[in-house]
N, C-alpha and C. Protein backbone atom coordinates (compact mmCIF):
# COMPACT_ATOMS: atom_id res chain seq x y z
N GLU A 1 -10.76 16.50 -6.00
CA GLU A 1 -9.86 16.28 -5.45
C GLU A 1 -9.48 17.29 -4.62
N ALA A 2 -9.27 18.70 -5.50
CA ALA A 2 -8.81 19.39 -4.39
C ALA A 2 -9.60 19.81 -3.45
N GLU A 3 -11.50 19.78 -3.31
CA GLU A 3 -12.05 19.79 -2.08
C GLU A 3 -11.43 18.63 -1.14
N ARG A 4 -11.22 17.52 -1.35
CA ARG A 4 -10.91 16.59 -0.53
C ARG A 4 -9.50 16.80 0.03
N GLN A 5 -8.84 17.68 -0.38
CA GLN A 5 -7.17 18.04 0.35
C GLN A 5 -7.41 18.85 0.69
N MET A 6 -8.33 19.94 0.27
CA MET A 6 -8.29 21.15 1.57
C MET A 6 -8.97 20.63 2.46
N ALA A 7 -9.94 19.79 2.49
CA ALA A 7 -10.57 19.56 3.59
C ALA A 7 -9.50 18.39 5.21
N SER A 8 -8.91 17.58 4.19
CA SER A 8 -7.63 16.89 4.35
C SER A 8 -6.50 18.18 5.44
N GLN A 9 -6.23 18.88 4.90
CA GLN A 9 -4.90 19.94 5.31
C GLN A 9 -5.95 20.57 6.64
N ASN A 10 -7.19 21.05 6.55
CA ASN A 10 -8.22 21.17 7.13
C ASN A 10 -8.09 20.57 8.65
N ALA A 11 -8.54 19.44 8.45
CA ALA A 11 -8.26 18.30 9.55
C ALA A 11 -6.63 18.26 10.49
N LEU A 12 -5.45 18.80 9.49
CA LEU A 12 -4.12 18.15 10.41
C LEU A 12 -3.94 20.14 11.30
N ILE A 13 -4.64 20.67 10.87
CA ILE A 13 -5.02 22.26 12.02
C ILE A 13 -5.43 21.70 13.02
N GLY A 14 -5.99 20.79 13.26
CA GLY A 14 -6.75 20.49 14.19
C GLY A 14 -5.95 19.88 15.24
N VAL A 15 -4.98 18.27 14.29
CA VAL A 15 -4.16 17.70 14.88
C VAL A 15 -3.14 18.48 15.58
N ALA A 16 -2.52 19.23 14.64
CA ALA A 16 -1.66 20.00 15.07
C ALA A 16 -2.05 20.71 16.39
N GLU A 17 -3.21 21.79 16.94
CA GLU A 17 -3.78 22.32 17.76
C GLU A 17 -3.66 21.26 18.54
N SER A 18 -3.86 20.09 18.40
CA SER A 18 -4.62 19.28 20.07
C SER A 18 -3.09 19.20 20.44
N ALA A 19 -1.66 19.45 20.13
CA ALA A 19 -0.52 19.33 21.02
C ALA A 19 -0.32 20.20 22.21
N TYR A 20 -1.32 21.23 21.77
CA TYR A 20 -1.91 22.21 23.23
C TYR A 20 -1.84 21.67 24.00
N TYR A 21 -2.88 20.96 24.68
CA TYR A 21 -3.65 20.20 25.41
C TYR A 21 -2.76 18.96 26.01
N PRO A 22 -2.70 18.63 27.25
CA PRO A 22 -2.39 17.13 27.48
C PRO A 22 -2.94 15.88 27.31
N SER A 23 -2.01 15.24 27.41
CA SER A 23 -2.51 13.80 26.88
C SER A 23 -2.78 13.00 27.84
N ILE A 24 -4.02 12.67 28.11
CA ILE A 24 -4.51 11.50 29.24
C ILE A 24 -4.25 10.56 28.94
N PHE A 25 -3.88 9.10 29.94
CA PHE A 25 -4.05 8.02 29.57
C PHE A 25 -5.27 7.72 30.79
N LEU A 26 -6.06 6.59 29.85
CA LEU A 26 -6.85 5.69 31.13
C LEU A 26 -6.09 3.97 31.29
N ASN A 27 -5.60 3.46 32.29
CA ASN A 27 -5.16 2.48 32.73
C ASN A 27 -5.96 1.94 33.34
N GLY A 28 -6.56 0.37 33.00
CA GLY A 28 -7.17 -0.88 33.93
C GLY A 28 -6.25 -2.02 33.61
N GLY A 29 -6.68 -2.88 34.83
CA GLY A 29 -6.69 -3.90 34.70
C GLY A 29 -7.07 -5.12 35.40
N ALA A 30 -7.54 -6.31 35.56
CA ALA A 30 -8.26 -6.98 36.37
C ALA A 30 -7.34 -8.23 36.59
N GLY A 31 -7.56 -8.86 37.30
CA GLY A 31 -6.74 -10.64 37.35
C GLY A 31 -7.09 -11.10 38.64
N LEU A 32 -6.62 -12.18 38.64
CA LEU A 32 -6.97 -13.44 39.77
C LEU A 32 -5.62 -13.47 40.25
N GLU A 33 -5.71 -13.95 41.55
CA GLU A 33 -4.37 -13.81 42.41
C GLU A 33 -4.70 -14.77 43.51
N SER A 34 -3.99 -15.93 43.99
CA SER A 34 -3.64 -16.48 44.89
C SER A 34 -2.28 -17.36 45.13
N ALA A 35 -2.54 -17.96 46.64
CA ALA A 35 -0.98 -18.58 46.79
C ALA A 35 -1.49 -20.18 46.24
N ALA A 36 -2.62 -20.39 46.95
CA ALA A 36 -3.61 -21.86 46.29
C ALA A 36 -3.79 -21.81 45.22
N ILE A 37 -3.84 -22.63 44.32
CA ILE A 37 -4.48 -22.91 42.89
C ILE A 37 -5.94 -23.10 43.39
N SER A 38 -6.16 -24.52 44.60
CA SER A 38 -7.70 -24.04 44.77
C SER A 38 -8.61 -22.77 44.84
N LYS A 39 -7.78 -22.11 45.42
CA LYS A 39 -8.56 -20.74 46.10
C LYS A 39 -8.11 -19.37 44.88
N LEU A 40 -8.08 -19.75 43.57
CA LEU A 40 -8.08 -19.17 42.91
C LEU A 40 -9.55 -18.26 42.40
N PHE A 41 -10.39 -18.98 42.12
CA PHE A 41 -11.48 -18.71 41.84
C PHE A 41 -12.61 -18.12 42.79
N GLU A 42 -12.18 -17.97 43.94
CA GLU A 42 -12.82 -17.42 45.02
C GLU A 42 -12.48 -15.87 45.00
N SER A 43 -13.99 -15.29 45.49
CA SER A 43 -14.08 -13.78 45.27
C SER A 43 -12.80 -12.95 45.92
N PRO A 44 -12.18 -13.34 47.11
CA PRO A 44 -10.98 -12.58 47.84
C PRO A 44 -9.50 -12.79 46.79
N SER A 45 -9.83 -13.78 45.86
CA SER A 45 -8.48 -13.86 45.00
C SER A 45 -8.27 -13.07 43.63
N SER A 46 -9.71 -12.42 43.88
CA SER A 46 -9.63 -11.06 42.34
C SER A 46 -9.28 -9.91 43.15
N PHE A 47 -8.46 -9.23 41.98
CA PHE A 47 -8.06 -8.15 42.03
C PHE A 47 -8.36 -6.91 40.50
N TRP A 48 -8.56 -5.84 41.26
CA TRP A 48 -8.71 -5.15 39.59
C TRP A 48 -7.67 -3.50 39.80
N SER A 49 -7.53 -2.87 39.19
CA SER A 49 -6.94 -1.65 39.29
C SER A 49 -7.55 -0.54 37.89
N LEU A 50 -7.26 0.75 38.51
CA LEU A 50 -8.10 1.97 37.75
C LEU A 50 -7.03 2.57 37.74
N GLY A 51 -6.23 3.39 36.72
CA GLY A 51 -5.59 4.33 36.95
C GLY A 51 -6.02 5.48 35.96
N VAL A 52 -5.25 6.71 36.24
CA VAL A 52 -5.11 7.72 35.33
C VAL A 52 -3.99 8.48 35.49
N SER A 53 -3.49 8.84 33.94
CA SER A 53 -2.08 9.44 34.21
C SER A 53 -2.51 10.85 32.73
N ALA A 54 -1.75 11.61 33.04
CA ALA A 54 -1.73 12.71 32.01
C ALA A 54 0.05 13.65 31.96
N ALA A 55 0.13 13.31 31.02
CA ALA A 55 1.36 14.12 30.11
C ALA A 55 1.24 14.89 29.67
N GLU A 56 2.07 16.03 29.69
CA GLU A 56 2.11 17.35 29.10
C GLU A 56 3.90 17.51 28.98
N THR A 57 4.04 18.79 27.58
CA THR A 57 5.52 19.48 27.99
C THR A 57 5.45 20.56 28.32
N ILE A 58 6.40 20.69 29.17
CA ILE A 58 6.24 21.96 29.58
C ILE A 58 7.19 23.02 29.22
N PHE A 59 8.16 22.66 28.39
CA PHE A 59 8.58 23.80 27.20
C PHE A 59 9.43 23.22 26.42
N ASN A 60 8.76 23.92 25.23
CA ASN A 60 8.73 22.95 23.53
C ASN A 60 9.52 23.98 22.33
N GLY A 61 9.69 25.11 23.27
CA GLY A 61 10.27 26.19 22.67
C GLY A 61 9.73 26.48 21.17
N GLY A 62 8.58 26.54 21.19
CA GLY A 62 7.40 26.98 20.27
C GLY A 62 7.02 26.20 19.31
N ARG A 63 7.99 24.87 19.46
CA ARG A 63 7.22 24.01 18.31
C ARG A 63 5.75 23.77 17.98
N ILE A 64 5.30 23.75 19.32
CA ILE A 64 3.63 23.35 18.79
C ILE A 64 2.99 24.39 17.64
N HIS A 65 3.49 25.56 17.99
CA HIS A 65 3.02 27.09 18.07
C HIS A 65 3.59 27.17 15.80
N ALA A 66 4.70 26.54 15.76
CA ALA A 66 5.63 26.44 14.70
C ALA A 66 4.78 24.92 13.93
N GLN A 67 4.22 24.68 14.46
CA GLN A 67 3.20 23.23 13.59
C GLN A 67 2.13 23.21 13.15
N VAL A 68 1.24 23.79 14.11
CA VAL A 68 0.20 24.73 14.17
C VAL A 68 0.21 25.91 12.68
N ASP A 69 1.16 26.93 12.87
CA ASP A 69 1.42 27.63 11.62
C ASP A 69 1.76 27.23 10.41
N TYR A 70 2.19 25.80 10.35
CA TYR A 70 2.87 25.26 9.34
C TYR A 70 1.21 24.40 8.60
N ALA A 71 0.60 23.76 9.52
CA ALA A 71 -0.39 23.37 8.78
C ALA A 71 -1.71 24.13 8.27
N LYS A 72 -1.85 25.58 9.53
CA LYS A 72 -2.64 26.55 8.67
C LYS A 72 -2.40 27.16 7.13
N ALA A 73 -0.41 27.04 7.11
CA ALA A 73 -0.27 27.23 5.72
C ALA A 73 -0.55 26.40 4.76
N GLY A 74 -0.19 25.53 5.22
CA GLY A 74 -0.60 24.16 4.38
C GLY A 74 -2.39 24.26 3.57
N TYR A 75 -3.29 24.55 4.70
CA TYR A 75 -4.66 24.44 4.43
C TYR A 75 -4.84 25.90 3.29
N GLN A 76 -4.13 27.07 3.86
CA GLN A 76 -4.12 28.16 2.65
C GLN A 76 -3.84 27.67 1.85
N GLY A 77 -2.70 26.96 1.53
CA GLY A 77 -2.52 26.59 0.01
C GLY A 77 -3.65 26.02 -0.80
N SER A 78 -4.09 25.08 -0.09
CA SER A 78 -5.09 23.72 -0.66
C SER A 78 -6.22 25.14 -0.51
N VAL A 79 -6.38 25.69 0.07
CA VAL A 79 -7.70 26.85 -0.40
C VAL A 79 -7.55 27.22 -1.80
N ALA A 80 -6.17 27.63 -1.75
CA ALA A 80 -5.96 28.90 -3.20
C ALA A 80 -5.97 27.37 -4.11
N ASN A 81 -5.63 26.24 -4.06
CA ASN A 81 -5.41 25.18 -5.39
C ASN A 81 -6.64 24.91 -5.47
N TYR A 82 -7.61 24.94 -4.29
CA TYR A 82 -9.05 24.77 -4.53
C TYR A 82 -9.75 25.82 -5.63
N ARG A 83 -9.65 26.91 -4.86
CA ARG A 83 -10.38 28.47 -5.74
C ARG A 83 -9.40 28.11 -7.23
N ASN A 84 -8.49 27.80 -7.61
CA ASN A 84 -7.74 27.74 -8.71
C ASN A 84 -8.70 26.58 -9.63
N THR A 85 -8.61 25.61 -8.78
CA THR A 85 -9.93 24.57 -9.84
C THR A 85 -10.81 25.33 -10.15
N VAL A 86 -11.40 25.56 -9.01
CA VAL A 86 -12.96 26.14 -9.31
C VAL A 86 -13.08 26.81 -10.54
N LEU A 87 -12.11 28.34 -10.97
CA LEU A 87 -11.53 28.93 -11.38
C LEU A 87 -11.26 28.39 -12.82
N THR A 88 -10.57 27.29 -12.45
CA THR A 88 -10.37 26.51 -13.82
C THR A 88 -11.69 26.20 -14.68
N ALA A 89 -12.21 25.62 -14.43
CA ALA A 89 -13.36 24.81 -14.38
C ALA A 89 -14.35 25.97 -14.79
N PHE A 90 -14.84 26.78 -14.56
CA PHE A 90 -15.73 27.68 -14.95
C PHE A 90 -15.35 28.55 -16.18
N GLN A 91 -13.81 28.68 -16.31
CA GLN A 91 -13.22 29.70 -17.71
C GLN A 91 -13.06 27.96 -18.75
N GLN A 92 -12.98 26.67 -18.22
CA GLN A 92 -13.20 25.90 -19.17
C GLN A 92 -15.08 25.78 -19.90
N VAL A 93 -15.92 26.13 -18.95
CA VAL A 93 -17.40 26.02 -19.35
C VAL A 93 -17.38 27.01 -20.05
N GLU A 94 -17.00 28.26 -19.61
CA GLU A 94 -17.33 29.52 -20.47
C GLU A 94 -17.03 29.51 -21.98
N ASP A 95 -15.36 28.99 -22.07
CA ASP A 95 -15.02 28.46 -23.39
C ASP A 95 -15.51 27.38 -23.62
N GLY A 96 -16.26 26.82 -23.53
CA GLY A 96 -16.98 25.48 -24.14
C GLY A 96 -18.18 26.57 -24.80
N LEU A 97 -18.44 27.29 -23.73
CA LEU A 97 -20.21 27.61 -24.47
C LEU A 97 -19.58 28.80 -25.09
N SER A 98 -18.89 29.41 -25.38
CA SER A 98 -18.79 30.90 -26.63
C SER A 98 -18.37 30.04 -27.55
N GLY A 99 -17.37 28.87 -27.53
CA GLY A 99 -16.94 28.31 -28.39
C GLY A 99 -18.38 27.87 -29.46
N LEU A 100 -19.07 27.19 -28.28
CA LEU A 100 -20.24 26.61 -29.45
C LEU A 100 -21.16 27.35 -29.55
N THR A 101 -21.26 28.92 -29.19
CA THR A 101 -21.86 29.67 -29.81
C THR A 101 -21.33 30.40 -31.25
N THR A 102 -20.38 30.41 -31.29
CA THR A 102 -19.55 31.06 -32.19
C THR A 102 -19.54 30.21 -33.61
N LEU A 103 -19.20 28.95 -33.39
CA LEU A 103 -19.08 27.71 -34.15
C LEU A 103 -20.38 27.67 -34.81
N ALA A 104 -21.26 27.40 -33.86
CA ALA A 104 -22.96 27.30 -34.41
C ALA A 104 -23.21 28.58 -35.44
N ASP A 105 -22.79 29.82 -35.07
CA ASP A 105 -22.88 31.03 -36.18
C ASP A 105 -21.85 30.79 -37.36
N ALA A 106 -21.03 30.44 -37.12
CA ALA A 106 -19.92 29.90 -38.16
C ALA A 106 -20.46 28.73 -38.95
N ALA A 107 -21.45 27.82 -38.35
CA ALA A 107 -22.07 26.67 -39.35
C ALA A 107 -22.91 27.47 -40.41
N GLY A 108 -23.89 27.94 -39.68
CA GLY A 108 -24.75 28.60 -40.49
C GLY A 108 -24.47 29.12 -41.52
N ALA A 109 -23.67 30.52 -41.66
CA ALA A 109 -22.95 30.90 -42.21
C ALA A 109 -22.46 30.20 -43.53
N GLN A 110 -21.52 29.01 -42.87
CA GLN A 110 -21.09 28.31 -43.82
C GLN A 110 -22.00 27.26 -44.62
N GLN A 111 -23.26 27.02 -44.04
CA GLN A 111 -24.06 26.18 -44.63
C GLN A 111 -24.82 27.13 -45.72
N LYS A 112 -25.02 28.49 -45.61
CA LYS A 112 -25.65 28.85 -46.57
C LYS A 112 -24.56 29.28 -47.96
N ALA A 113 -23.35 29.82 -47.45
CA ALA A 113 -22.35 29.39 -48.77
C ALA A 113 -22.16 28.38 -49.19
N VAL A 114 -22.65 26.82 -48.91
CA VAL A 114 -22.37 25.80 -49.49
C VAL A 114 -23.94 25.54 -50.60
N GLU A 115 -24.92 26.49 -50.13
CA GLU A 115 -26.39 26.38 -50.95
C GLU A 115 -25.89 27.46 -52.09
N ASP A 116 -25.73 28.13 -51.73
CA ASP A 116 -24.66 29.47 -52.55
C ASP A 116 -23.83 28.60 -53.46
N SER A 117 -22.78 28.47 -52.89
CA SER A 117 -22.07 27.62 -54.45
C SER A 117 -23.06 26.38 -55.28
N ARG A 118 -23.89 25.39 -54.49
CA ARG A 118 -24.54 25.01 -55.29
C ARG A 118 -25.54 25.10 -56.29
N ARG A 119 -26.25 26.48 -55.58
CA ARG A 119 -26.91 27.38 -57.05
C ARG A 119 -25.99 28.00 -57.85
N TYR A 120 -25.02 28.09 -57.83
CA TYR A 120 -23.70 28.75 -58.52
C TYR A 120 -23.60 27.41 -59.37
N LEU A 121 -23.50 26.60 -59.23
CA LEU A 121 -22.90 25.24 -59.71
C LEU A 121 -24.18 24.85 -60.79
N ASN A 122 -25.15 25.12 -60.07
CA ASN A 122 -26.54 24.51 -61.58
C ASN A 122 -26.38 25.77 -62.73
N ILE A 123 -26.20 27.26 -62.07
CA ILE A 123 -26.40 28.14 -63.12
C ILE A 123 -25.24 27.91 -63.80
N ALA A 124 -23.73 27.72 -62.97
CA ALA A 124 -22.75 27.52 -64.96
C ALA A 124 -22.88 25.83 -65.12
N ASN A 125 -23.68 25.16 -65.10
CA ASN A 125 -24.07 23.81 -65.46
C ASN A 125 -25.09 24.30 -66.85
N ASP A 126 -26.07 25.15 -66.39
CA ASP A 126 -27.12 25.77 -66.87
C ASP A 126 -26.38 26.49 -68.04
N ARG A 127 -25.70 27.62 -67.60
CA ARG A 127 -24.95 27.65 -68.90
C ARG A 127 -23.79 27.37 -69.69
N TYR A 128 -23.31 26.35 -69.55
CA TYR A 128 -22.42 25.55 -69.80
C TYR A 128 -23.39 24.98 -71.07
N VAL A 129 -24.62 24.17 -70.90
CA VAL A 129 -25.52 23.61 -71.80
C VAL A 129 -25.94 24.46 -73.11
N GLY A 130 -26.06 25.92 -72.37
CA GLY A 130 -26.53 26.67 -73.47
C GLY A 130 -25.71 27.17 -74.26
N GLY A 131 -24.41 26.67 -73.96
CA GLY A 131 -23.18 27.77 -74.75
C GLY A 131 -22.51 28.60 -74.57
N LEU A 132 -23.35 29.17 -73.13
CA LEU A 132 -22.62 30.78 -73.05
C LEU A 132 -21.26 30.74 -72.42
N VAL A 133 -20.74 29.68 -71.82
CA VAL A 133 -19.47 29.28 -70.90
C VAL A 133 -18.76 28.46 -70.86
N THR A 134 -17.32 28.81 -70.91
CA THR A 134 -16.75 26.87 -70.86
C THR A 134 -17.01 26.15 -70.10
N TYR A 135 -16.27 24.95 -70.27
CA TYR A 135 -16.36 23.96 -69.06
C TYR A 135 -15.59 24.34 -67.85
N LEU A 136 -14.56 25.02 -67.91
CA LEU A 136 -14.11 25.41 -66.69
C LEU A 136 -14.75 26.25 -66.13
N ASP A 137 -15.66 26.98 -66.19
CA ASP A 137 -16.18 27.76 -65.54
C ASP A 137 -17.17 26.89 -64.49
N VAL A 138 -17.47 25.61 -64.77
CA VAL A 138 -18.49 24.66 -64.30
C VAL A 138 -17.51 23.84 -62.93
N ILE A 139 -15.86 23.80 -63.89
CA ILE A 139 -15.04 23.37 -62.83
C ILE A 139 -14.57 24.18 -61.69
N THR A 140 -14.46 25.29 -61.91
CA THR A 140 -14.33 26.09 -60.43
C THR A 140 -15.63 26.14 -59.62
N ALA A 141 -16.94 25.80 -60.36
CA ALA A 141 -18.29 26.56 -59.28
C ALA A 141 -18.19 24.77 -58.34
N GLU A 142 -17.52 23.67 -59.33
CA GLU A 142 -17.51 22.55 -58.18
C GLU A 142 -16.60 22.50 -57.44
N GLN A 143 -15.38 23.12 -57.62
CA GLN A 143 -14.32 23.70 -56.31
C GLN A 143 -14.62 24.51 -55.84
N THR A 144 -15.35 25.13 -56.10
CA THR A 144 -15.72 26.06 -55.02
C THR A 144 -17.10 25.61 -53.96
N LEU A 145 -17.80 24.98 -54.97
CA LEU A 145 -18.99 23.95 -54.03
C LEU A 145 -18.22 22.56 -52.84
N LEU A 146 -17.57 22.22 -53.59
CA LEU A 146 -16.16 20.95 -52.51
C LEU A 146 -15.64 21.68 -51.38
N THR A 147 -15.36 23.17 -52.02
CA THR A 147 -13.67 23.45 -50.75
C THR A 147 -15.28 24.41 -49.85
N ASN A 148 -16.53 24.69 -50.03
CA ASN A 148 -17.46 25.31 -48.58
C ASN A 148 -18.04 23.68 -48.41
N GLN A 149 -18.20 22.95 -49.01
CA GLN A 149 -18.59 21.88 -47.99
C GLN A 149 -17.75 21.25 -47.46
N ARG A 150 -16.26 20.98 -47.73
CA ARG A 150 -15.07 20.97 -46.66
C ARG A 150 -15.21 21.74 -45.49
N LEU A 151 -15.41 22.63 -45.60
CA LEU A 151 -15.17 23.96 -44.30
C LEU A 151 -16.22 24.04 -43.82
N ALA A 152 -17.38 23.30 -44.00
CA ALA A 152 -18.60 23.21 -43.20
C ALA A 152 -18.82 21.90 -42.40
N THR A 153 -17.93 21.04 -43.06
CA THR A 153 -17.46 19.40 -42.09
C THR A 153 -16.61 20.11 -41.25
N GLN A 154 -15.69 20.73 -41.55
CA GLN A 154 -14.70 21.01 -40.71
C GLN A 154 -15.03 21.73 -39.29
N ILE A 155 -16.30 22.70 -40.13
CA ILE A 155 -16.74 23.55 -38.37
C ILE A 155 -17.47 22.18 -38.12
N LEU A 156 -18.27 21.22 -38.36
CA LEU A 156 -19.25 20.55 -37.64
C LEU A 156 -17.99 19.80 -36.44
N GLY A 157 -16.99 18.98 -36.98
CA GLY A 157 -15.91 18.87 -36.55
C GLY A 157 -15.31 19.30 -35.62
N GLN A 158 -15.39 20.54 -35.23
CA GLN A 158 -14.82 21.37 -34.12
C GLN A 158 -15.99 21.78 -33.26
N ARG A 159 -17.13 21.79 -33.74
CA ARG A 159 -18.28 21.73 -32.85
C ARG A 159 -18.48 20.92 -32.15
N LEU A 160 -18.34 19.19 -32.65
CA LEU A 160 -18.10 17.95 -31.65
C LEU A 160 -17.15 18.24 -31.00
N ILE A 161 -15.79 18.65 -31.26
CA ILE A 161 -14.52 18.52 -30.25
C ILE A 161 -15.34 19.63 -29.04
N THR A 162 -15.03 20.22 -29.49
CA THR A 162 -15.65 21.21 -27.99
C THR A 162 -17.00 21.00 -27.37
N SER A 163 -18.11 20.40 -27.72
CA SER A 163 -18.89 19.69 -27.31
C SER A 163 -18.29 18.71 -26.14
N VAL A 164 -17.77 17.74 -26.70
CA VAL A 164 -17.16 16.61 -25.59
C VAL A 164 -16.00 17.33 -24.83
N PHE A 165 -15.54 18.72 -24.63
CA PHE A 165 -14.55 19.45 -23.94
C PHE A 165 -15.35 20.20 -22.64
N LEU A 166 -16.61 20.17 -23.47
CA LEU A 166 -17.67 21.20 -22.38
C LEU A 166 -18.02 20.14 -22.21
N VAL A 167 -18.43 18.92 -22.32
CA VAL A 167 -19.13 17.45 -20.87
C VAL A 167 -18.16 17.50 -20.23
N LYS A 168 -16.80 17.50 -20.86
CA LYS A 168 -16.26 16.69 -19.72
C LYS A 168 -15.53 17.69 -18.60
N ALA A 169 -15.65 19.78 -19.09
CA ALA A 169 -15.28 20.57 -17.99
C ALA A 169 -16.47 20.64 -17.05
N LEU A 170 -17.89 20.28 -17.43
CA LEU A 170 -18.90 20.22 -16.45
C LEU A 170 -19.11 18.83 -15.24
N GLY A 171 -18.09 18.29 -15.32
CA GLY A 171 -18.06 16.65 -14.79
C GLY A 171 -18.24 16.03 -15.67
N GLY A 172 -18.85 15.65 -16.95
CA GLY A 172 -19.10 14.31 -17.44
C GLY A 172 -18.52 13.35 -17.63
N GLY A 173 -19.18 12.71 -18.29
CA GLY A 173 -18.41 11.48 -18.70
C GLY A 173 -19.45 10.52 -19.53
N TRP A 174 -18.71 9.44 -20.21
CA TRP A 174 -19.86 8.93 -21.15
C TRP A 174 -18.91 7.36 -20.64
N ASP A 175 -20.26 6.22 -21.21
CA ASP A 175 -19.20 5.04 -21.33
C ASP A 175 -19.40 4.39 -22.91
N ARG A 176 -18.71 3.52 -23.02
CA ARG A 176 -18.27 3.30 -24.65
C ARG A 176 -19.94 2.62 -25.12
N LYS A 177 -21.00 2.03 -24.03
CA LYS A 177 -21.97 1.63 -25.22
C LYS A 177 -22.92 2.80 -25.55
N ASP A 178 -22.71 3.89 -24.85
CA ASP A 178 -23.65 4.63 -25.17
C ASP A 178 -23.30 5.52 -26.17
N ILE A 179 -21.55 5.72 -26.58
CA ILE A 179 -21.10 6.33 -27.70
C ILE A 179 -21.60 5.32 -28.73
N GLU A 180 -21.66 3.87 -28.79
CA GLU A 180 -21.96 3.17 -29.73
C GLU A 180 -23.42 3.59 -30.75
N ALA A 181 -24.00 3.36 -29.39
CA ALA A 181 -25.53 3.51 -29.49
C ALA A 181 -26.21 4.76 -30.01
N LEU A 182 -24.93 6.02 -30.04
CA LEU A 182 -25.61 7.30 -30.69
C LEU A 182 -24.89 7.54 -31.39
N GLN A 183 -24.13 6.51 -32.46
CA GLN A 183 -23.23 6.85 -33.42
C GLN A 183 -24.16 7.15 -34.75
N VAL A 184 -23.93 8.08 -35.16
CA VAL A 184 -24.53 8.78 -36.49
C VAL A 184 -23.53 8.01 -37.56
N LYS A 185 -24.39 6.70 -38.44
CA LYS A 185 -23.94 6.50 -39.50
C LYS A 185 -24.66 6.79 -41.03
N PRO A 186 -24.19 8.08 -41.58
CA PRO A 186 -24.53 8.18 -42.43
C PRO A 186 -24.76 7.36 -43.79
N THR A 187 -26.09 7.33 -44.51
CA THR A 187 -25.68 6.75 -45.79
C THR A 187 -24.95 7.06 -46.89
N ALA A 188 -24.41 6.08 -48.27
CA ALA A 188 -23.87 7.03 -49.21
C ALA A 188 -24.48 8.11 -49.66
N LYS A 189 -26.32 8.03 -49.85
CA LYS A 189 -26.72 9.40 -50.40
C LYS A 189 -27.15 10.45 -49.32
N GLN A 190 -26.67 10.33 -48.34
CA GLN A 190 -26.67 11.49 -47.42
C GLN A 190 -25.11 12.06 -47.46
N ILE A 191 -23.94 11.23 -47.65
CA ILE A 191 -22.43 12.00 -47.71
C ILE A 191 -22.72 12.48 -49.26
N VAL A 192 -22.97 12.17 -50.31
CA VAL A 192 -23.27 12.57 -51.77
C VAL A 192 -23.83 13.69 -51.18
N GLN A 193 -24.81 13.88 -51.01
CA GLN A 193 -25.97 15.28 -50.76
C GLN A 193 -24.90 16.11 -50.02
N GLN A 194 -23.96 15.82 -49.29
CA GLN A 194 -23.64 16.83 -48.80
C GLN A 194 -22.42 17.67 -49.93
């Protein structure tokens, strides 16, 4: 949109500058003329005319120059808007890429925390069965595992949201049919395993 606006403003400069030149008109006409209707379609009854005229304003008090300056200022404004649009798009892409990198690192660390919490829960269960700890230690280990799983899921959600913003920043789009075809539908077993 910004690019089309810039091109439009550039064209308006040409329109304003055209006022410096005279307006030229070509006039023409042809017809038939006769005193008697019976001789109307004979060769001497036809006529034609061709004319050229030109018009130019001699004194306009600087109006044309001001209109050209106004058009150039509009063009410069649209160039600045275009530049800002492009820079904003680059910034959004950069933010999306760096966000995905950061979230990928966070997801890796959080997945390790989930695995460690799962091992800790297994150890706490074994120690409880062996009579070395109370059941409160098992509950604490379960709570830690659930917290880490929740954080891992939140990071995954943020990664997906950031991916959508990145696709949008790159000018992409999506069709509803494509989304439905790519939907992840985890089974109950997969949900429980996480």
